[in-house]
């Protein structure tokens, strides 16, 4: 019971919506998010979008002491820091570490 509660606090599931991270992530991919604000540059993170109730899944390009610069891999359709500027680190939900669905694309997202 304790381990299940700990897993809920540390990990979160997330479904990709849209094509901004194509070809790395596709619409409908389901991810396991490590709920952690420190994400290495170059990795995929989930961040709260202050303009809407939806979260964004993007790649971390740069970071400052209090902010992160994020960009989608599909630059033609991505709305990200190039349009909206820096995002507050307090809005970082976590680090996308594993794609678990669809099964034929399952695997680690750590590393690049």
PDB file of N, CA and C in Angstrom:
ATOM      1  N   UNK A   1       0.824  -1.195   0.000  1.00  0.00           N
ATOM      2  CA  UNK A   1       0.000   0.000   0.000  1.00  0.00           C
ATOM      3  C   UNK A   1       0.867   1.258   0.000  1.00  0.00           C
ATOM      4  N   UNK A   2       1.920   1.270   0.818  1.00  0.00           N
ATOM      5  CA  UNK A   2       2.808   2.427   0.878  1.00  0.00           C
ATOM      6  C   UNK A   2       3.526   2.616  -0.456  1.00  0.00           C
ATOM      7  N   UNK A   3       3.974   1.518  -1.073  1.00  0.00           N
ATOM      8  CA  UNK A   3       4.683   1.636  -2.348  1.00  0.00           C
ATOM      9  C   UNK A   3       3.754   2.147  -3.446  1.00  0.00           C
ATOM     10  N   UNK A   4       2.498   1.758  -3.422  1.00  0.00           N
ATOM     11  CA  UNK A   4       1.538   2.253  -4.410  1.00  0.00           C
ATOM     12  C   UNK A   4       1.318   3.752  -4.218  1.00  0.00           C
ATOM     13  N   UNK A   5       1.215   4.208  -2.988  1.00  0.00           N
ATOM     14  CA  UNK A   5       1.042   5.634  -2.714  1.00  0.00           C
ATOM     15  C   UNK A   5       2.284   6.414  -3.124  1.00  0.00           C
ATOM     16  N   UNK A   6       3.462   5.865  -2.858  1.00  0.00           N
ATOM     17  CA  UNK A   6       4.713   6.515  -3.244  1.00  0.00           C
ATOM     18  C   UNK A   6       4.819   6.617  -4.758  1.00  0.00           C
ATOM     19  N   UNK A   7       4.438   5.561  -5.464  1.00  0.00           N
ATOM     20  CA  UNK A   7       4.476   5.576  -6.928  1.00  0.00           C
ATOM     21  C   UNK A   7       3.560   6.661  -7.473  1.00  0.00           C
ATOM     22  N   UNK A   8       2.410   6.877  -6.864  1.00  0.00           N
ATOM     23  CA  UNK A   8       1.487   7.911  -7.311  1.00  0.00           C
ATOM     24  C   UNK A   8       2.078   9.304  -7.113  1.00  0.00           C
ATOM     25  N   UNK A   9       2.807   9.490  -6.026  1.00  0.00           N
ATOM     26  CA  UNK A   9       3.408  10.788  -5.730  1.00  0.00           C
ATOM     27  C   UNK A   9       4.594  11.054  -6.650  1.00  0.00           C
ATOM     28  N   UNK A  10       5.377  10.035  -6.985  1.00  0.00           N
ATOM     29  CA  UNK A  10       6.602  10.200  -7.753  1.00  0.00           C
ATOM     30  C   UNK A  10       6.355  10.139  -9.255  1.00  0.00           C
ATOM     31  N   UNK A  11       5.402   9.344  -9.709  1.00  0.00           N
ATOM     32  CA  UNK A  11       5.146   9.159 -11.131  1.00  0.00           C
ATOM     33  C   UNK A  11       3.738   9.608 -11.502  1.00  0.00           C
ATOM     34  N   UNK A  12       3.599  10.008 -12.751  1.00  0.00           N
ATOM     35  CA  UNK A  12       2.296  10.401 -13.278  1.00  0.00           C
ATOM     36  C   UNK A  12       2.221   9.910 -14.714  1.00  0.00           C
ATOM     37  N   UNK A  13       1.030   9.544 -15.146  1.00  0.00           N
ATOM     38  CA  UNK A  13       0.830   9.149 -16.545  1.00  0.00           C
ATOM     39  C   UNK A  13       0.387  10.370 -17.340  1.00  0.00           C
ATOM     40  N   UNK A  14       0.770  10.397 -18.614  1.00  0.00           N
ATOM     41  CA  UNK A  14       0.459  11.538 -19.460  1.00  0.00           C
ATOM     42  C   UNK A  14       0.219  11.050 -20.884  1.00  0.00           C
ATOM     43  N   UNK A  15      -0.795  11.586 -21.547  1.00  0.00           N
ATOM     44  CA  UNK A  15      -1.067  11.248 -22.943  1.00  0.00           C
ATOM     45  C   UNK A  15      -0.699  12.432 -23.835  1.00  0.00           C
ATOM     46  N   UNK A  16       0.071  12.172 -24.876  1.00  0.00           N
ATOM     47  CA  UNK A  16       0.496  13.207 -25.810  1.00  0.00           C
ATOM     48  C   UNK A  16      -0.686  13.621 -26.679  1.00  0.00           C
ATOM     49  N   UNK A  17      -0.881  14.934 -26.791  1.00  0.00           N
ATOM     50  CA  UNK A  17      -1.929  15.491 -27.635  1.00  0.00           C
ATOM     51  C   UNK A  17      -1.252  16.410 -28.647  1.00  0.00           C
ATOM     52  N   UNK A  18      -1.487  16.168 -29.920  1.00  0.00           N
ATOM     53  CA  UNK A  18      -0.926  17.021 -30.958  1.00  0.00           C
ATOM     54  C   UNK A  18       0.343  16.458 -31.573  1.00  0.00           C
ATOM     55  N   UNK A  19       0.893  17.235 -32.502  1.00  0.00           N
ATOM     56  CA  UNK A  19       2.041  16.784 -33.287  1.00  0.00           C
ATOM     57  C   UNK A  19       3.308  17.590 -33.049  1.00  0.00           C
ATOM     58  N   UNK A  20       3.361  18.389 -31.996  1.00  0.00           N
ATOM     59  CA  UNK A  20       4.512  19.269 -31.797  1.00  0.00           C
ATOM     60  C   UNK A  20       5.814  18.543 -31.479  1.00  0.00           C
ATOM     61  N   UNK A  21       5.744  17.284 -31.058  1.00  0.00           N
ATOM     62  CA  UNK A  21       6.964  16.544 -30.736  1.00  0.00           C
ATOM     63  C   UNK A  21       7.284  15.459 -31.756  1.00  0.00           C
ATOM     64  N   UNK A  22       6.577  15.481 -32.897  1.00  0.00           N
ATOM     65  CA  UNK A  22       6.854  14.539 -33.981  1.00  0.00           C
ATOM     66  C   UNK A  22       8.275  14.718 -34.471  1.00  0.00           C
ATOM     67  N   UNK A  23       9.031  13.736 -34.800  1.00  0.00           N
ATOM     68  CA  UNK A  23       8.703  12.314 -34.847  1.00  0.00           C
ATOM     69  C   UNK A  23       8.993  11.574 -33.535  1.00  0.00           C
ATOM     70  N   UNK A  24       9.549  12.282 -32.544  1.00  0.00           N
ATOM     71  CA  UNK A  24       9.908  11.616 -31.286  1.00  0.00           C
ATOM     72  C   UNK A  24       8.689  11.038 -30.590  1.00  0.00           C
ATOM     73  N   UNK A  25       7.650  11.853 -30.464  1.00  0.00           N
ATOM     74  CA  UNK A  25       6.403  11.437 -29.828  1.00  0.00           C
ATOM     75  C   UNK A  25       5.256  11.689 -30.793  1.00  0.00           C
ATOM     76  N   UNK A  26       4.301  10.786 -30.790  1.00  0.00           N
ATOM     77  CA  UNK A  26       3.147  10.909 -31.666  1.00  0.00           C
ATOM     78  C   UNK A  26       1.883  11.139 -30.848  1.00  0.00           C
ATOM     79  N   UNK A  27       0.889  11.776 -31.481  1.00  0.00           N
ATOM     80  CA  UNK A  27      -0.408  11.983 -30.846  1.00  0.00           C
ATOM     81  C   UNK A  27      -0.925  10.629 -30.341  1.00  0.00           C
ATOM     82  N   UNK A  28      -1.304  10.575 -29.074  1.00  0.00           N
ATOM     83  CA  UNK A  28      -1.811   9.339 -28.486  1.00  0.00           C
ATOM     84  C   UNK A  28      -0.776   8.528 -27.731  1.00  0.00           C
ATOM     85  N   UNK A  29       0.511   8.823 -27.909  1.00  0.00           N
ATOM     86  CA  UNK A  29       1.528   8.124 -27.114  1.00  0.00           C
ATOM     87  C   UNK A  29       1.242   8.372 -25.639  1.00  0.00           C
ATOM     88  N   UNK A  30       1.478   7.370 -24.829  1.00  0.00           N
ATOM     89  CA  UNK A  30       1.268   7.513 -23.382  1.00  0.00           C
ATOM     90  C   UNK A  30       2.603   7.383 -22.682  1.00  0.00           C
ATOM     91  N   UNK A  31       2.846   8.321 -21.776  1.00  0.00           N
ATOM     92  CA  UNK A  31       4.152   8.465 -21.149  1.00  0.00           C
ATOM     93  C   UNK A  31       4.072   8.308 -19.640  1.00  0.00           C
ATOM     94  N   UNK A  32       5.170   7.878 -19.087  1.00  0.00           N
ATOM     95  CA  UNK A  32       5.352   7.877 -17.635  1.00  0.00           C
ATOM     96  C   UNK A  32       6.226   9.078 -17.305  1.00  0.00           C
ATOM     97  N   UNK A  33       5.721   9.936 -16.437  1.00  0.00           N
ATOM     98  CA  UNK A  33       6.401  11.168 -16.059  1.00  0.00           C
ATOM     99  C   UNK A  33       6.955  11.028 -14.648  1.00  0.00           C
ATOM    100  N   UNK A  34       8.231  11.307 -14.491  1.00  0.00           N
ATOM    101  CA  UNK A  34       8.844  11.385 -13.168  1.00  0.00           C
ATOM    102  C   UNK A  34       8.568  12.791 -12.650  1.00  0.00           C
ATOM    103  N   UNK A  35       7.793  12.892 -11.584  1.00  0.00           N
ATOM    104  CA  UNK A  35       7.416  14.199 -11.042  1.00  0.00           C
ATOM    105  C   UNK A  35       8.619  14.804 -10.329  1.00  0.00           C
ATOM    106  N   UNK A  36       9.346  15.567 -11.100  1.00  0.00           N
ATOM    107  CA  UNK A  36      10.619  16.114 -10.649  1.00  0.00           C
ATOM    108  C   UNK A  36      10.842  17.398 -11.402  1.00  0.00           C
ATOM    109  N   UNK A  37      11.239  18.453 -10.763  1.00  0.00           N
ATOM    110  CA  UNK A  37      11.427  19.734 -11.461  1.00  0.00           C
ATOM    111  C   UNK A  37      12.793  19.844 -12.117  1.00  0.00           C
ATOM    112  N   UNK A  38      13.769  19.079 -11.669  1.00  0.00           N
ATOM    113  CA  UNK A  38      15.089  19.150 -12.285  1.00  0.00           C
ATOM    114  C   UNK A  38      15.140  18.139 -13.418  1.00  0.00           C
ATOM    115  N   UNK A  39      15.226  18.651 -14.627  1.00  0.00           N
ATOM    116  CA  UNK A  39      15.274  17.818 -15.824  1.00  0.00           C
ATOM    117  C   UNK A  39      16.529  18.210 -16.591  1.00  0.00           C
ATOM    118  N   UNK A  40      17.328  17.231 -17.023  1.00  0.00           N
ATOM    119  CA  UNK A  40      18.534  17.579 -17.781  1.00  0.00           C
ATOM    120  C   UNK A  40      18.185  18.244 -19.118  1.00  0.00           C
ATOM    121  N   UNK A  41      18.990  19.206 -19.521  1.00  0.00           N
ATOM    122  CA  UNK A  41      18.825  19.862 -20.819  1.00  0.00           C
ATOM    123  C   UNK A  41      18.858  18.792 -21.907  1.00  0.00           C
ATOM    124  N   UNK A  42      17.973  18.940 -22.880  1.00  0.00           N
ATOM    125  CA  UNK A  42      17.888  17.983 -23.974  1.00  0.00           C
ATOM    126  C   UNK A  42      16.824  16.921 -23.773  1.00  0.00           C
ATOM    127  N   UNK A  43      16.319  16.796 -22.561  1.00  0.00           N
ATOM    128  CA  UNK A  43      15.306  15.790 -22.259  1.00  0.00           C
ATOM    129  C   UNK A  43      13.903  16.364 -22.465  1.00  0.00           C
ATOM    130  N   UNK A  44      12.922  15.484 -22.493  1.00  0.00           N
ATOM    131  CA  UNK A  44      11.523  15.874 -22.695  1.00  0.00           C
ATOM    132  C   UNK A  44      10.872  16.110 -21.341  1.00  0.00           C
ATOM    133  N   UNK A  45      10.154  17.210 -21.246  1.00  0.00           N
ATOM    134  CA  UNK A  45       9.465  17.493 -19.987  1.00  0.00           C
ATOM    135  C   UNK A  45       8.015  17.864 -20.251  1.00  0.00           C
ATOM    136  N   UNK A  46       7.246  17.842 -19.187  1.00  0.00           N
ATOM    137  CA  UNK A  46       5.858  18.290 -19.214  1.00  0.00           C
ATOM    138  C   UNK A  46       5.801  19.539 -18.345  1.00  0.00           C
ATOM    139  N   UNK A  47       5.198  20.585 -18.896  1.00  0.00           N
ATOM    140  CA  UNK A  47       5.119  21.859 -18.185  1.00  0.00           C
ATOM    141  C   UNK A  47       3.687  22.394 -18.277  1.00  0.00           C
ATOM    142  N   UNK A  48       3.247  23.048 -17.229  1.00  0.00           N
ATOM    143  CA  UNK A  48       1.914  23.648 -17.214  1.00  0.00           C
ATOM    144  C   UNK A  48       1.905  24.875 -18.127  1.00  0.00           C
ATOM    145  N   UNK A  49       0.830  25.001 -18.885  1.00  0.00           N
ATOM    146  CA  UNK A  49       0.633  26.148 -19.755  1.00  0.00           C
ATOM    147  C   UNK A  49      -0.308  27.114 -19.048  1.00  0.00           C
ATOM    148  N   UNK A  50       0.201  28.276 -18.669  1.00  0.00           N
ATOM    149  CA  UNK A  50      -0.598  29.243 -17.915  1.00  0.00           C
ATOM    150  C   UNK A  50      -1.774  29.768 -18.734  1.00  0.00           C
ATOM    151  N   UNK A  51      -1.724  29.631 -20.054  1.00  0.00           N
ATOM    152  CA  UNK A  51      -2.786  30.143 -20.917  1.00  0.00           C
ATOM    153  C   UNK A  51      -3.965  29.200 -21.040  1.00  0.00           C
ATOM    154  N   UNK A  52      -3.790  27.927 -20.662  1.00  0.00           N
ATOM    155  CA  UNK A  52      -4.874  26.952 -20.836  1.00  0.00           C
ATOM    156  C   UNK A  52      -4.788  25.878 -19.758  1.00  0.00           C
ATOM    157  N   UNK A  53      -5.823  25.055 -19.653  1.00  0.00           N
ATOM    158  CA  UNK A  53      -5.786  23.970 -18.659  1.00  0.00           C
ATOM    159  C   UNK A  53      -4.918  22.795 -19.089  1.00  0.00           C
ATOM    160  N   UNK A  54      -4.447  22.818 -20.329  1.00  0.00           N
ATOM    161  CA  UNK A  54      -3.645  21.704 -20.846  1.00  0.00           C
ATOM    162  C   UNK A  54      -2.167  21.887 -20.537  1.00  0.00           C
ATOM    163  N   UNK A  55      -1.498  20.771 -20.313  1.00  0.00           N
ATOM    164  CA  UNK A  55      -0.050  20.782 -20.137  1.00  0.00           C
ATOM    165  C   UNK A  55       0.615  20.677 -21.504  1.00  0.00           C
ATOM    166  N   UNK A  56       1.875  21.063 -21.560  1.00  0.00           N
ATOM    167  CA  UNK A  56       2.661  20.963 -22.789  1.00  0.00           C
ATOM    168  C   UNK A  56       3.753  19.921 -22.602  1.00  0.00           C
ATOM    169  N   UNK A  57       4.023  19.156 -23.640  1.00  0.00           N
ATOM    170  CA  UNK A  57       5.154  18.233 -23.623  1.00  0.00           C
ATOM    171  C   UNK A  57       6.138  18.752 -24.659  1.00  0.00           C
ATOM    172  N   UNK A  58       7.343  19.102 -24.208  1.00  0.00           N
ATOM    173  CA  UNK A  58       8.348  19.738 -25.062  1.00  0.00           C
ATOM    174  C   UNK A  58       9.738  19.302 -24.618  1.00  0.00           C
ATOM    175  N   UNK A  59      10.719  19.694 -25.408  1.00  0.00           N
ATOM    176  CA  UNK A  59      12.108  19.393 -25.077  1.00  0.00           C
ATOM    177  C   UNK A  59      12.717  20.604 -24.347  1.00  0.00           C
ATOM    178  N   UNK A  60      13.462  20.322 -23.284  1.00  0.00           N
ATOM    179  CA  UNK A  60      14.145  21.373 -22.536  1.00  0.00           C
ATOM    180  C   UNK A  60      15.403  21.780 -23.303  1.00  0.00           C
ATOM    181  N   UNK A  61      15.453  23.047 -23.700  1.00  0.00           N
ATOM    182  CA  UNK A  61      16.572  23.563 -24.485  1.00  0.00           C
ATOM    183  C   UNK A  61      17.572  24.303 -23.602  1.00  0.00           C
ATOM    184  N   UNK A  62      17.056  25.153 -22.722  1.00  0.00           N
ATOM    185  CA  UNK A  62      17.913  25.924 -21.805  1.00  0.00           C
ATOM    186  C   UNK A  62      17.188  26.103 -20.487  1.00  0.00           C
ATOM    187  N   UNK A  63      17.975  26.433 -19.490  1.00  0.00           N
ATOM    188  CA  UNK A  63      17.378  26.749 -18.190  1.00  0.00           C
ATOM    189  C   UNK A  63      18.143  27.893 -17.542  1.00  0.00           C
ATOM    190  N   UNK A  64      17.423  28.652 -16.752  1.00  0.00           N
ATOM    191  CA  UNK A  64      18.043  29.685 -15.925  1.00  0.00           C
ATOM    192  C   UNK A  64      17.746  29.313 -14.477  1.00  0.00           C
ATOM    193  N   UNK A  65      18.063  30.178 -13.589  1.00  0.00           N
ATOM    194  CA  UNK A  65      17.831  29.887 -12.163  1.00  0.00           C
ATOM    195  C   UNK A  65      16.340  29.633 -11.882  1.00  0.00           C
ATOM    196  N   UNK A  66      15.447  30.363 -12.557  1.00  0.00           N
ATOM    197  CA  UNK A  66      14.025  30.246 -12.232  1.00  0.00           C
ATOM    198  C   UNK A  66      13.135  29.886 -13.415  1.00  0.00           C
ATOM    199  N   UNK A  67      13.721  29.717 -14.602  1.00  0.00           N
ATOM    200  CA  UNK A  67      12.907  29.503 -15.794  1.00  0.00           C
ATOM    201  C   UNK A  67      13.483  28.426 -16.699  1.00  0.00           C
ATOM    202  N   UNK A  68      12.632  27.950 -17.611  1.00  0.00           N
ATOM    203  CA  UNK A  68      13.063  26.973 -18.613  1.00  0.00           C
ATOM    204  C   UNK A  68      12.640  27.453 -19.993  1.00  0.00           C
ATOM    205  N   UNK A  69      13.474  27.147 -20.986  1.00  0.00           N
ATOM    206  CA  UNK A  69      13.172  27.432 -22.392  1.00  0.00           C
ATOM    207  C   UNK A  69      12.869  26.095 -23.037  1.00  0.00           C
ATOM    208  N   UNK A  70      11.670  25.947 -23.604  1.00  0.00           N
ATOM    209  CA  UNK A  70      11.241  24.668 -24.163  1.00  0.00           C
ATOM    210  C   UNK A  70      10.863  24.831 -25.630  1.00  0.00           C
ATOM    211  N   UNK A  71      11.119  23.788 -26.412  1.00  0.00           N
ATOM    212  CA  UNK A  71      10.757  23.794 -27.819  1.00  0.00           C
ATOM    213  C   UNK A  71      10.273  22.416 -28.219  1.00  0.00           C
ATOM    214  N   UNK A  72       9.304  22.385 -29.126  1.00  0.00           N
ATOM    215  CA  UNK A  72       8.849  21.135 -29.700  1.00  0.00           C
ATOM    216  C   UNK A  72       9.804  20.675 -30.783  1.00  0.00           C
ATOM    217  N   UNK A  73       9.877  19.367 -31.017  1.00  0.00           N
ATOM    218  CA  UNK A  73      10.757  18.838 -32.063  1.00  0.00           C
ATOM    219  C   UNK A  73      10.246  19.177 -33.459  1.00  0.00           C
ATOM    220  N   UNK A  74       8.938  19.334 -33.611  1.00  0.00           N
ATOM    221  CA  UNK A  74       8.324  19.644 -34.892  1.00  0.00           C
ATOM    222  C   UNK A  74       8.109  21.158 -34.960  1.00  0.00           C
ATOM    223  N   UNK A  75       9.140  21.869 -35.383  1.00  0.00           N
ATOM    224  CA  UNK A  75       9.126  23.332 -35.295  1.00  0.00           C
ATOM    225  C   UNK A  75       8.020  23.996 -36.114  1.00  0.00           C
ATOM    226  N   UNK A  76       7.521  23.337 -37.141  1.00  0.00           N
ATOM    227  CA  UNK A  76       6.500  23.945 -37.988  1.00  0.00           C
ATOM    228  C   UNK A  76       5.142  24.067 -37.305  1.00  0.00           C
ATOM    229  N   UNK A  77       4.859  23.212 -36.331  1.00  0.00           N
ATOM    230  CA  UNK A  77       3.542  23.239 -35.683  1.00  0.00           C
ATOM    231  C   UNK A  77       3.604  23.459 -34.173  1.00  0.00           C
ATOM    232  N   UNK A  78       4.788  23.604 -33.630  1.00  0.00           N
ATOM    233  CA  UNK A  78       4.920  23.704 -32.178  1.00  0.00           C
ATOM    234  C   UNK A  78       4.716  25.133 -31.680  1.00  0.00           C
ATOM    235  N   UNK A  79       3.907  25.265 -30.641  1.00  0.00           N
ATOM    236  CA  UNK A  79       3.795  26.514 -29.899  1.00  0.00           C
ATOM    237  C   UNK A  79       4.607  26.311 -28.629  1.00  0.00           C
ATOM    238  N   UNK A  80       5.637  27.127 -28.450  1.00  0.00           N
ATOM    239  CA  UNK A  80       6.581  26.888 -27.361  1.00  0.00           C
ATOM    240  C   UNK A  80       7.257  28.192 -26.962  1.00  0.00           C
ATOM    241  N   UNK A  81       8.441  28.123 -26.396  1.00  0.00           N
ATOM    242  CA  UNK A  81       9.134  29.323 -25.923  1.00  0.00           C
ATOM    243  C   UNK A  81       9.465  30.298 -27.045  1.00  0.00           C
ATOM    244  N   UNK A  82       9.547  29.828 -28.254  1.00  0.00           N
ATOM    245  CA  UNK A  82       9.824  30.742 -29.368  1.00  0.00           C
ATOM    246  C   UNK A  82       8.702  31.764 -29.532  1.00  0.00           C
ATOM    247  N   UNK A  83       7.483  31.387 -29.149  1.00  0.00           N
ATOM    248  CA  UNK A  83       6.365  32.317 -29.205  1.00  0.00           C
ATOM    249  C   UNK A  83       6.017  32.905 -27.832  1.00  0.00           C
ATOM    250  N   UNK A  84       6.197  32.109 -26.777  1.00  0.00           N
ATOM    251  CA  UNK A  84       5.705  32.493 -25.455  1.00  0.00           C
ATOM    252  C   UNK A  84       6.789  32.899 -24.470  1.00  0.00           C
ATOM    253  N   UNK A  85       8.042  32.731 -24.844  1.00  0.00           N
ATOM    254  CA  UNK A  85       9.126  33.095 -23.939  1.00  0.00           C
ATOM    255  C   UNK A  85       9.407  32.023 -22.901  1.00  0.00           C
ATOM    256  N   UNK A  86      10.106  32.420 -21.870  1.00  0.00           N
ATOM    257  CA  UNK A  86      10.514  31.500 -20.803  1.00  0.00           C
ATOM    258  C   UNK A  86       9.310  31.061 -19.977  1.00  0.00           C
ATOM    259  N   UNK A  87       9.350  29.808 -19.498  1.00  0.00           N
ATOM    260  CA  UNK A  87       8.337  29.265 -18.595  1.00  0.00           C
ATOM    261  C   UNK A  87       8.938  29.167 -17.199  1.00  0.00           C
ATOM    262  N   UNK A  88       8.140  29.436 -16.194  1.00  0.00           N
ATOM    263  CA  UNK A  88       8.605  29.332 -14.811  1.00  0.00           C
ATOM    264  C   UNK A  88       8.904  27.876 -14.448  1.00  0.00           C
ATOM    265  N   UNK A  89       9.988  27.660 -13.712  1.00  0.00           N
ATOM    266  CA  UNK A  89      10.314  26.306 -13.250  1.00  0.00           C
ATOM    267  C   UNK A  89       9.233  25.748 -12.335  1.00  0.00           C
ATOM    268  N   UNK A  90       8.472  26.612 -11.692  1.00  0.00           N
ATOM    269  CA  UNK A  90       7.407  26.117 -10.808  1.00  0.00           C
ATOM    270  C   UNK A  90       6.310  25.423 -11.601  1.00  0.00           C
ATOM    271  N   UNK A  91       6.240  25.678 -12.917  1.00  0.00           N
ATOM    272  CA  UNK A  91       5.246  25.035 -13.762  1.00  0.00           C
ATOM    273  C   UNK A  91       5.679  23.688 -14.326  1.00  0.00           C
ATOM    274  N   UNK A  92       6.919  23.287 -14.049  1.00  0.00           N
ATOM    275  CA  UNK A  92       7.390  21.996 -14.551  1.00  0.00           C
ATOM    276  C   UNK A  92       6.706  20.870 -13.784  1.00  0.00           C
ATOM    277  N   UNK A  93       6.015  20.004 -14.522  1.00  0.00           N
ATOM    278  CA  UNK A  93       5.340  18.849 -13.923  1.00  0.00           C
ATOM    279  C   UNK A  93       6.341  17.721 -13.722  1.00  0.00           C
ATOM    280  N   UNK A  94       7.165  17.475 -14.729  1.00  0.00           N
ATOM    281  CA  UNK A  94       8.141  16.407 -14.585  1.00  0.00           C
ATOM    282  C   UNK A  94       8.818  16.028 -15.886  1.00  0.00           C
ATOM    283  N   UNK A  95       9.602  14.984 -15.794  1.00  0.00           N
ATOM    284  CA  UNK A  95      10.473  14.489 -16.850  1.00  0.00           C
ATOM    285  C   UNK A  95       9.844  13.256 -17.478  1.00  0.00           C
ATOM    286  N   UNK A  96       9.641  13.298 -18.798  1.00  0.00           N
ATOM    287  CA  UNK A  96       9.087  12.146 -19.520  1.00  0.00           C
ATOM    288  C   UNK A  96      10.190  11.101 -19.657  1.00  0.00           C
ATOM    289  N   UNK A  97      10.055  10.000 -18.933  1.00  0.00           N
ATOM    290  CA  UNK A  97      11.145   9.018 -18.902  1.00  0.00           C
ATOM    291  C   UNK A  97      10.853   7.733 -19.671  1.00  0.00           C
ATOM    292  N   UNK A  98       9.562   7.462 -19.940  1.00  0.00           N
ATOM    293  CA  UNK A  98       9.232   6.174 -20.565  1.00  0.00           C
ATOM    294  C   UNK A  98       7.931   6.289 -21.348  1.00  0.00           C
ATOM    295  N   UNK A  99       7.910   5.752 -22.565  1.00  0.00           N
ATOM    296  CA  UNK A  99       6.670   5.633 -23.342  1.00  0.00           C
ATOM    297  C   UNK A  99       6.183   4.201 -23.140  1.00  0.00           C
ATOM    298  N   UNK A 100       4.964   4.032 -22.626  1.00  0.00           N
ATOM    299  CA  UNK A 100       4.452   2.682 -22.376  1.00  0.00           C
ATOM    300  C   UNK A 100       3.360   2.263 -23.356  1.00  0.00           C
ATOM    301  N   UNK A 101       2.878   3.206 -24.169  1.00  0.00           N
ATOM    302  CA  UNK A 101       1.845   2.880 -25.155  1.00  0.00           C
ATOM    303  C   UNK A 101       2.034   3.774 -26.359  1.00  0.00           C
ATOM    304  N   UNK A 102       1.895   3.229 -27.536  1.00  0.00           N
ATOM    305  CA  UNK A 102       1.529   1.871 -27.913  1.00  0.00           C
ATOM    306  C   UNK A 102       2.674   0.888 -27.672  1.00  0.00           C
ATOM    307  N   UNK A 103       2.343  -0.359 -27.453  1.00  0.00           N
ATOM    308  CA  UNK A 103       3.354  -1.366 -27.104  1.00  0.00           C
ATOM    309  C   UNK A 103       4.501  -1.477 -28.112  1.00  0.00           C
ATOM    310  N   UNK A 104       4.214  -1.301 -29.396  1.00  0.00           N
ATOM    311  CA  UNK A 104       5.281  -1.437 -30.397  1.00  0.00           C
ATOM    312  C   UNK A 104       6.238  -0.257 -30.396  1.00  0.00           C
ATOM    313  N   UNK A 105       5.918   0.827 -29.665  1.00  0.00           N
ATOM    314  CA  UNK A 105       6.817   1.983 -29.533  1.00  0.00           C
ATOM    315  C   UNK A 105       7.279   2.191 -28.100  1.00  0.00           C
ATOM    316  N   UNK A 106       6.974   1.239 -27.223  1.00  0.00           N
ATOM    317  CA  UNK A 106       7.329   1.366 -25.809  1.00  0.00           C
ATOM    318  C   UNK A 106       8.836   1.400 -25.643  1.00  0.00           C
ATOM    319  N   UNK A 107       9.272   2.187 -24.652  1.00  0.00           N
ATOM    320  CA  UNK A 107      10.697   2.226 -24.355  1.00  0.00           C
ATOM    321  C   UNK A 107      11.091   3.505 -23.655  1.00  0.00           C
ATOM    322  N   UNK A 108      12.338   3.543 -23.236  1.00  0.00           N
ATOM    323  CA  UNK A 108      12.891   4.668 -22.513  1.00  0.00           C
ATOM    324  C   UNK A 108      12.963   5.915 -23.386  1.00  0.00           C
ATOM    325  N   UNK A 109      12.713   7.073 -22.774  1.00  0.00           N
ATOM    326  CA  UNK A 109      12.866   8.360 -23.441  1.00  0.00           C
ATOM    327  C   UNK A 109      14.091   9.108 -22.915  1.00  0.00           C
ATOM    328  N   UNK A 110      14.807   8.504 -22.009  1.00  0.00           N
ATOM    329  CA  UNK A 110      15.975   9.141 -21.414  1.00  0.00           C
ATOM    330  C   UNK A 110      17.151   9.056 -22.369  1.00  0.00           C
ATOM    331  N   UNK A 111      17.795  10.153 -22.555  1.00  0.00           N
ATOM    332  CA  UNK A 111      19.022  10.136 -23.338  1.00  0.00           C
ATOM    333  C   UNK A 111      18.965  10.948 -24.601  1.00  0.00           C
ATOM    334  N   UNK A 112      17.880  11.001 -25.278  1.00  0.00           N
ATOM    335  CA  UNK A 112      17.879  11.811 -26.498  1.00  0.00           C
ATOM    336  C   UNK A 112      16.926  11.308 -27.448  1.00  0.00           C
TER     337      UNK A 112
END
